[in-house]
Amino acid sequence: MINKFKTGLLCSGLLFALTACGGGTPTPAPAGSSEPESTDIDDSRELIEDQLYTDSGLVVYFNAVGAKIKKIEYNTMVIAKDGDIKGRFANRIAGGQFELNGQTYQLDQNENGNHLHGGSEGFGTKTWTKVNQTPSSITYTYHSVDGEMGYPGNLDITVKYTLKQNGELMMEYSATCDADTIFNPTNHIWLNLNGTSALTSHTLWLDADSYTETGAGLIPTGQILPVEGTKYDFREEKEFDRANRYDDNFVLNGSGYRKVARLTGEDLGVVLEISTDRPGFQIYNDNSYIVMETQNFPDAPNHDNFPSAILRANDQFYSKSAYHFIVEE
């Protein structure tokens, strides 16, 4: 638990607000506006191309390929990297197939006969167009054509990142689609809060009582199992052991926008708190990094008991997540 934080050092958050072309039971977007929730915006500072920064030492670097967070530095230490946008449907779809409106769609099969992260030419591989940048925000757009990677409908997507001086980085997605489709975007950012080459000395708390069981190819079986007594139980903060390999979706407790996770890098004292209104939370790790994605459940289009991923033509979908970096005293 964190009792005290250092004032004036790093107090940052990545606020991911996702607006897309409908589906499920979305939270209504703020009427007529997608402005950040805080007024802590300073556009009087110098504009540096493809960077957003705070006076407390946080620098976020961007790249148009994948509308990517290229890296995040705190006082020159790289604590995150390669946060590209995955979609149209992040994570896996069994056999690359789903049914919508009585029609079966075949998607690109780019991982052992399954579909992963929107396919071999998903959003993360595309060069987006940077349409605007101010000292506090950067905006990218991408047009996904009907049939791209097998998905129905023309989808026009905008991603806007806004960095507030209190360190809150908002990522907003807005999109329109001219046909029913499925949609499950996420940001696939790699984290090591100690800024080292090995994923050691990290602890994790995660507000999830259950997870989605997987079978062959890491495809969900449809069963939702309790974390009690398993390696998936992070309801009490504990050491994250990199020897335990994860590529799993957790079923988050509660609904609406709420705090769901806290990752602590003990060497630098950097704490990452994550809030979201999404139902799922994917954890993946290797020896050097951990990936934590707010999302819908993998293979959701093929499981009636999973949250809907259907986006109806011309509808609106809104979602937000916050990655809040804090330096512990």
Protein backbone atom coordinates (compact mmCIF):
# COMPACT_ATOMS: atom_id res chain seq x y z
CA MET A 1 0.00 0.00 0.00
CA ILE A 2 1.13 3.56 -0.68
CA ASN A 3 1.03 5.96 2.25
CA LYS A 4 2.80 9.01 0.95
CA PHE A 5 3.82 10.41 -2.42
CA LYS A 6 6.44 12.89 -3.40
CA THR A 7 5.01 16.21 -4.54
CA GLY A 8 6.33 17.71 -7.75
CA LEU A 9 7.92 14.54 -9.11
CA LEU A 10 6.07 12.25 -11.47
CA CYS A 11 2.32 12.20 -11.11
CA SER A 12 1.05 11.07 -14.45
CA GLY A 13 -1.80 9.13 -15.91
CA LEU A 14 -2.63 7.66 -19.26
CA LEU A 15 -6.34 8.24 -19.75
CA PHE A 16 -7.64 6.15 -22.61
CA ALA A 17 -11.06 7.25 -23.80
CA LEU A 18 -12.42 5.06 -26.57
CA THR A 19 -15.17 6.23 -28.85
CA ALA A 20 -16.16 3.98 -31.72
CA CYS A 21 -19.02 3.11 -33.99
CA GLY A 22 -21.43 1.54 -31.52
CA GLY A 23 -22.03 -1.90 -30.04
CA GLY A 24 -22.94 -3.61 -26.79
CA THR A 25 -24.24 -1.32 -24.07
CA PRO A 26 -21.83 1.62 -24.31
CA THR A 27 -21.52 4.42 -21.80
CA PRO A 28 -22.81 7.62 -23.42
CA ALA A 29 -20.09 10.02 -24.49
CA PRO A 30 -20.10 13.52 -23.04
CA ALA A 31 -22.57 15.51 -25.13
CA GLY A 32 -20.95 17.59 -27.83
CA SER A 33 -17.46 17.36 -26.42
CA SER A 34 -14.50 15.04 -25.96
CA GLU A 35 -12.46 17.47 -23.90
CA PRO A 36 -10.31 16.13 -21.03
CA GLU A 37 -12.01 15.95 -17.63
CA SER A 38 -9.43 18.22 -16.02
CA THR A 39 -8.57 21.80 -16.99
CA ASP A 40 -4.90 21.15 -16.20
CA ILE A 41 -3.86 21.83 -19.81
CA ASP A 42 -1.00 24.15 -20.71
CA ASP A 43 -0.77 24.99 -24.40
CA SER A 44 1.53 27.95 -23.81
CA ARG A 45 4.60 25.73 -23.67
CA GLU A 46 6.92 24.90 -26.57
CA LEU A 47 5.55 22.40 -29.08
CA ILE A 48 7.95 19.54 -29.74
CA GLU A 49 7.02 17.38 -32.71
CA ASP A 50 5.74 13.90 -31.78
CA GLN A 51 6.28 14.48 -28.06
CA LEU A 52 4.15 15.43 -25.08
CA TYR A 53 5.80 16.26 -21.78
CA THR A 54 5.30 17.52 -18.25
CA ASP A 55 7.52 19.74 -16.13
CA SER A 56 7.96 16.87 -13.65
CA GLY A 57 10.11 14.76 -16.00
CA LEU A 58 7.56 12.67 -17.90
CA VAL A 59 8.04 12.53 -21.68
CA VAL A 60 5.79 10.58 -24.04
CA TYR A 61 7.11 9.94 -27.55
CA PHE A 62 4.80 9.05 -30.46
CA ASN A 63 5.03 7.45 -33.88
CA ALA A 64 2.42 7.47 -36.64
CA VAL A 65 2.84 3.74 -37.29
CA GLY A 66 0.16 2.19 -35.13
CA ALA A 67 -0.65 5.62 -33.63
CA LYS A 68 1.97 4.39 -31.22
CA ILE A 69 3.25 5.52 -27.86
CA LYS A 70 6.84 4.87 -28.90
CA LYS A 71 8.16 5.16 -25.36
CA ILE A 72 7.54 6.83 -22.02
CA GLU A 73 10.49 8.20 -20.08
CA TYR A 74 10.71 9.38 -16.52
CA ASN A 75 13.89 11.42 -15.97
CA THR A 76 15.42 9.67 -19.04
CA MET A 77 14.59 6.17 -17.74
CA VAL A 78 12.39 4.23 -20.17
CA ILE A 79 9.49 2.81 -18.14
CA ALA A 80 7.18 1.89 -21.06
CA LYS A 81 7.45 1.36 -24.80
CA ASP A 82 5.77 0.23 -28.04
CA GLY A 83 2.17 1.07 -27.12
CA ASP A 84 0.53 0.63 -30.50
CA ILE A 85 -3.18 0.39 -31.17
CA LYS A 86 -4.55 -3.11 -31.73
CA GLY A 87 -7.71 -3.68 -33.73
CA ARG A 88 -10.18 -3.90 -35.13
CA PHE A 89 -10.43 -6.70 -32.58
CA ALA A 90 -7.56 -6.94 -30.13
CA ASN A 91 -6.66 -10.36 -28.75
CA ARG A 92 -7.80 -13.66 -30.29
CA ILE A 93 -10.74 -14.93 -32.31
CA ALA A 94 -11.00 -18.70 -32.73
CA GLY A 95 -10.35 -19.84 -36.28
CA GLY A 96 -10.57 -16.21 -37.35
CA GLN A 97 -14.34 -16.62 -37.68
CA PHE A 98 -17.42 -14.95 -36.23
CA GLU A 99 -21.08 -14.71 -37.16
CA LEU A 100 -22.92 -11.41 -37.45
CA ASN A 101 -26.47 -10.89 -38.69
CA GLY A 102 -26.61 -14.49 -39.88
CA GLN A 103 -23.45 -14.21 -41.98
CA THR A 104 -20.14 -15.89 -41.19
CA TYR A 105 -17.05 -13.74 -41.64
CA GLN A 106 -13.57 -15.17 -42.16
CA LEU A 107 -10.78 -13.01 -40.80
CA ASP A 108 -7.05 -13.20 -41.39
CA GLN A 109 -5.57 -16.21 -39.58
CA ASN A 110 -2.24 -14.86 -38.40
CA GLU A 111 -1.55 -17.01 -35.32
CA ASN A 112 -1.79 -20.80 -35.51
CA GLY A 113 -5.01 -20.71 -37.48
CA ASN A 114 -6.57 -18.07 -35.24
CA HIS A 115 -6.94 -14.31 -35.56
CA LEU A 116 -4.82 -12.08 -33.28
CA HIS A 117 -4.84 -8.29 -32.78
CA GLY A 118 -6.72 -7.49 -35.98
CA GLY A 119 -4.59 -9.71 -38.20
CA SER A 120 -1.20 -9.56 -39.89
CA GLU A 121 -2.05 -6.08 -41.16
CA GLY A 122 -4.01 -4.83 -38.15
CA PHE A 123 -4.14 -1.27 -36.85
CA GLY A 124 -0.73 -1.59 -35.20
CA THR A 125 0.95 -2.05 -38.60
CA LYS A 126 -0.76 0.87 -40.35
CA THR A 127 0.67 4.34 -40.84
CA TRP A 128 -1.89 6.70 -39.37
CA THR A 129 -2.20 10.35 -40.40
CA LYS A 130 -1.22 12.94 -37.83
CA VAL A 131 -3.86 15.62 -38.31
CA ASN A 132 -3.09 17.93 -35.40
CA GLN A 133 -0.64 18.58 -32.59
CA THR A 134 -0.55 21.18 -29.83
CA PRO A 135 1.83 21.33 -26.85
CA SER A 136 -0.66 19.19 -24.91
CA SER A 137 -2.23 16.89 -27.51
CA ILE A 138 -1.62 14.85 -30.63
CA THR A 139 -4.27 13.43 -32.95
CA TYR A 140 -4.12 10.59 -35.50
CA THR A 141 -6.68 9.27 -37.96
CA TYR A 142 -7.00 6.05 -39.95
CA HIS A 143 -9.51 4.79 -42.54
CA SER A 144 -10.10 1.03 -42.34
CA VAL A 145 -11.79 -0.11 -45.52
CA ASP A 146 -14.61 -2.62 -45.80
CA GLY A 147 -13.10 -6.10 -45.96
CA GLU A 148 -9.75 -5.16 -44.44
CA MET A 149 -8.47 -8.31 -42.73
CA GLY A 150 -11.98 -9.68 -43.34
CA TYR A 151 -13.94 -7.17 -41.24
CA PRO A 152 -17.19 -5.72 -42.56
CA GLY A 153 -17.80 -1.99 -42.91
CA ASN A 154 -15.74 1.12 -43.57
CA LEU A 155 -14.42 2.43 -40.28
CA ASP A 156 -13.00 5.94 -39.88
CA ILE A 157 -11.06 6.20 -36.63
CA THR A 158 -9.49 9.10 -34.76
CA VAL A 159 -7.14 8.69 -31.80
CA LYS A 160 -6.37 11.78 -29.75
CA TYR A 161 -3.81 11.82 -26.95
CA THR A 162 -3.97 14.74 -24.49
CA LEU A 163 -1.37 15.16 -21.76
CA LYS A 164 -2.26 17.32 -18.79
CA GLN A 165 0.35 18.96 -16.61
CA ASN A 166 -0.71 16.79 -13.70
CA GLY A 167 0.52 13.93 -15.88
CA GLU A 168 -2.80 12.54 -17.06
CA LEU A 169 -2.58 11.35 -20.65
CA MET A 170 -5.99 10.93 -22.21
CA MET A 171 -6.35 8.72 -25.25
CA GLU A 172 -9.67 9.18 -27.03
CA TYR A 173 -10.90 7.05 -29.87
CA SER A 174 -13.72 8.28 -32.07
CA ALA A 175 -15.01 6.32 -35.04
CA THR A 176 -17.85 5.95 -37.47
CA CYS A 177 -18.73 2.78 -39.33
CA ASP A 178 -21.11 2.37 -42.24
CA ALA A 179 -22.05 -1.24 -41.44
CA ASP A 180 -22.39 -3.51 -38.43
CA THR A 181 -19.01 -4.85 -37.38
CA ILE A 182 -17.12 -5.97 -34.28
CA PHE A 183 -14.73 -3.71 -32.42
CA ASN A 184 -12.37 -4.21 -29.49
CA PRO A 185 -9.43 -1.79 -29.51
CA THR A 186 -6.67 -1.64 -26.93
CA ASN A 187 -3.22 -0.17 -26.43
CA HIS A 188 -0.52 -2.84 -26.26
CA ILE A 189 2.03 -1.00 -24.12
CA TRP A 190 5.05 -2.83 -22.66
CA LEU A 191 5.92 -1.88 -19.08
CA ASN A 192 8.96 -2.17 -16.85
CA LEU A 193 8.63 0.41 -14.10
CA ASN A 194 12.21 -0.08 -12.94
CA GLY A 195 13.59 0.85 -16.36
CA THR A 196 15.81 -2.24 -16.38
CA SER A 197 16.41 -5.19 -18.70
CA ALA A 198 14.73 -7.70 -16.37
CA LEU A 199 11.19 -7.75 -15.01
CA THR A 200 12.10 -8.05 -11.34
CA SER A 201 11.02 -6.32 -8.12
CA HIS A 202 7.44 -5.59 -9.22
CA THR A 203 4.29 -6.10 -7.18
CA LEU A 204 0.74 -6.25 -8.52
CA TRP A 205 -2.78 -5.76 -7.20
CA LEU A 206 -5.67 -6.59 -9.53
CA ASP A 207 -9.38 -6.33 -8.72
CA ALA A 208 -10.54 -9.53 -10.42
CA ASP A 209 -12.25 -12.49 -8.76
CA SER A 210 -12.21 -14.60 -11.92
CA TYR A 211 -10.58 -15.17 -15.29
CA THR A 212 -11.53 -16.70 -18.62
CA GLU A 213 -10.24 -20.26 -18.99
CA THR A 214 -8.33 -21.00 -22.19
CA GLY A 215 -7.76 -24.15 -24.19
CA ALA A 216 -5.68 -24.91 -27.26
CA GLY A 217 -4.19 -21.84 -28.90
CA LEU A 218 -5.08 -19.72 -25.85
CA ILE A 219 -8.68 -19.55 -27.07
CA PRO A 220 -11.27 -19.16 -24.29
CA THR A 221 -13.36 -22.25 -23.56
CA GLY A 222 -16.25 -20.05 -22.45
CA GLN A 223 -15.78 -20.99 -18.81
CA ILE A 224 -15.21 -18.26 -16.24
CA LEU A 225 -13.21 -19.61 -13.30
CA PRO A 226 -12.39 -18.23 -9.83
CA VAL A 227 -8.84 -16.99 -9.21
CA GLU A 228 -8.93 -18.31 -5.63
CA GLY A 229 -5.94 -20.56 -4.95
CA THR A 230 -4.34 -20.04 -8.37
CA LYS A 231 -1.48 -17.98 -9.79
CA TYR A 232 -4.15 -15.60 -11.09
CA ASP A 233 -5.08 -14.31 -7.64
CA PHE A 234 -3.77 -10.75 -7.23
CA ARG A 235 -6.63 -9.47 -5.08
CA GLU A 236 -4.06 -8.84 -2.36
CA GLU A 237 -0.97 -7.03 -3.60
CA LYS A 238 1.89 -9.46 -4.06
CA GLU A 239 5.12 -9.96 -5.97
CA PHE A 240 4.72 -10.45 -9.70
CA ASP A 241 6.88 -13.51 -10.44
CA ARG A 242 8.14 -13.36 -14.02
CA ALA A 243 8.72 -17.13 -13.88
CA ASN A 244 4.93 -17.48 -14.06
CA ARG A 245 4.02 -16.88 -17.68
CA TYR A 246 0.74 -15.12 -18.37
CA ASP A 247 -1.24 -14.52 -21.53
CA ASP A 248 -4.64 -14.39 -19.86
CA ASN A 249 -7.79 -12.31 -19.60
CA PHE A 250 -9.07 -11.38 -16.15
CA VAL A 251 -12.74 -10.62 -15.50
CA LEU A 252 -12.71 -7.29 -13.70
CA ASN A 253 -14.97 -6.73 -10.71
CA GLY A 254 -17.62 -4.04 -10.85
CA SER A 255 -18.81 -1.98 -13.78
CA GLY A 256 -18.45 1.57 -14.96
CA TYR A 257 -15.28 3.54 -14.52
CA ARG A 258 -13.26 2.27 -11.53
CA LYS A 259 -9.71 1.61 -10.35
CA VAL A 260 -8.78 -1.98 -11.21
CA ALA A 261 -5.01 -2.46 -10.89
CA ARG A 262 -1.82 -1.22 -9.32
CA LEU A 263 1.69 -2.21 -10.45
CA THR A 264 4.70 -1.07 -8.42
CA GLY A 265 8.32 -1.01 -9.55
CA GLU A 266 10.20 -1.16 -6.29
CA ASP A 267 13.62 -0.07 -7.59
CA LEU A 268 12.58 3.35 -8.92
CA GLY A 269 9.53 3.65 -6.70
CA VAL A 270 7.24 4.17 -9.69
CA VAL A 271 3.64 3.11 -9.15
CA LEU A 272 1.17 2.59 -11.98
CA GLU A 273 -2.53 2.69 -11.11
CA ILE A 274 -4.97 1.69 -13.83
CA SER A 275 -8.63 2.64 -14.01
CA THR A 276 -11.09 1.62 -16.72
CA ASP A 277 -14.71 1.05 -17.65
CA ARG A 278 -13.83 -2.05 -19.71
CA PRO A 279 -14.85 -5.56 -18.55
CA GLY A 280 -11.58 -7.38 -19.24
CA PHE A 281 -7.89 -7.01 -18.45
CA GLN A 282 -5.24 -8.96 -20.37
CA ILE A 283 -1.86 -9.66 -18.79
CA TYR A 284 1.09 -10.88 -20.83
CA ASN A 285 4.71 -11.06 -19.72
CA ASP A 286 8.17 -12.16 -20.73
CA ASN A 287 11.47 -11.88 -18.87
CA SER A 288 11.75 -8.15 -19.43
CA TYR A 289 8.26 -6.61 -19.65
CA ILE A 290 4.66 -6.91 -18.61
CA VAL A 291 1.77 -5.91 -20.89
CA MET A 292 -1.54 -4.89 -19.29
CA GLU A 293 -4.44 -4.19 -21.64
CA THR A 294 -7.94 -2.95 -20.83
CA GLN A 295 -10.30 -4.62 -23.28
CA ASN A 296 -13.28 -6.81 -24.03
CA PHE A 297 -12.85 -10.57 -23.55
CA PRO A 298 -10.90 -12.58 -26.15
CA ASP A 299 -13.11 -14.39 -28.67
CA ALA A 300 -16.12 -12.47 -27.35
CA PRO A 301 -18.03 -12.67 -30.68
CA ASN A 302 -18.17 -16.47 -30.30
CA HIS A 303 -19.42 -16.65 -26.69
CA ASP A 304 -22.92 -15.51 -25.76
CA ASN A 305 -21.93 -15.24 -22.08
CA PHE A 306 -19.14 -12.73 -22.84
CA PRO A 307 -19.75 -8.98 -23.24
CA SER A 308 -20.91 -8.05 -26.72
CA ALA A 309 -18.33 -6.72 -29.17
CA ILE A 310 -20.86 -5.82 -31.85
CA LEU A 311 -20.73 -2.25 -33.11
CA ARG A 312 -23.83 -1.19 -35.03
CA ALA A 313 -23.60 1.04 -38.05
CA ASN A 314 -23.48 4.75 -37.16
CA ASP A 315 -23.88 4.08 -33.43
CA GLN A 316 -21.53 5.54 -30.81
CA PHE A 317 -19.34 3.66 -28.35
CA TYR A 318 -17.37 5.34 -25.57
CA SER A 319 -14.87 3.93 -23.14
CA LYS A 320 -11.96 5.23 -21.09
CA SER A 321 -9.01 3.87 -19.20
CA ALA A 322 -6.41 5.69 -17.09
CA TYR A 323 -2.79 4.70 -16.57
CA HIS A 324 -1.65 6.79 -13.61
CA PHE A 325 2.07 6.83 -12.88
CA ILE A 326 3.12 8.04 -9.42
CA VAL A 327 6.54 8.24 -7.77
CA GLU A 328 6.55 6.89 -4.24
CA GLU A 329 8.54 8.76 -1.62
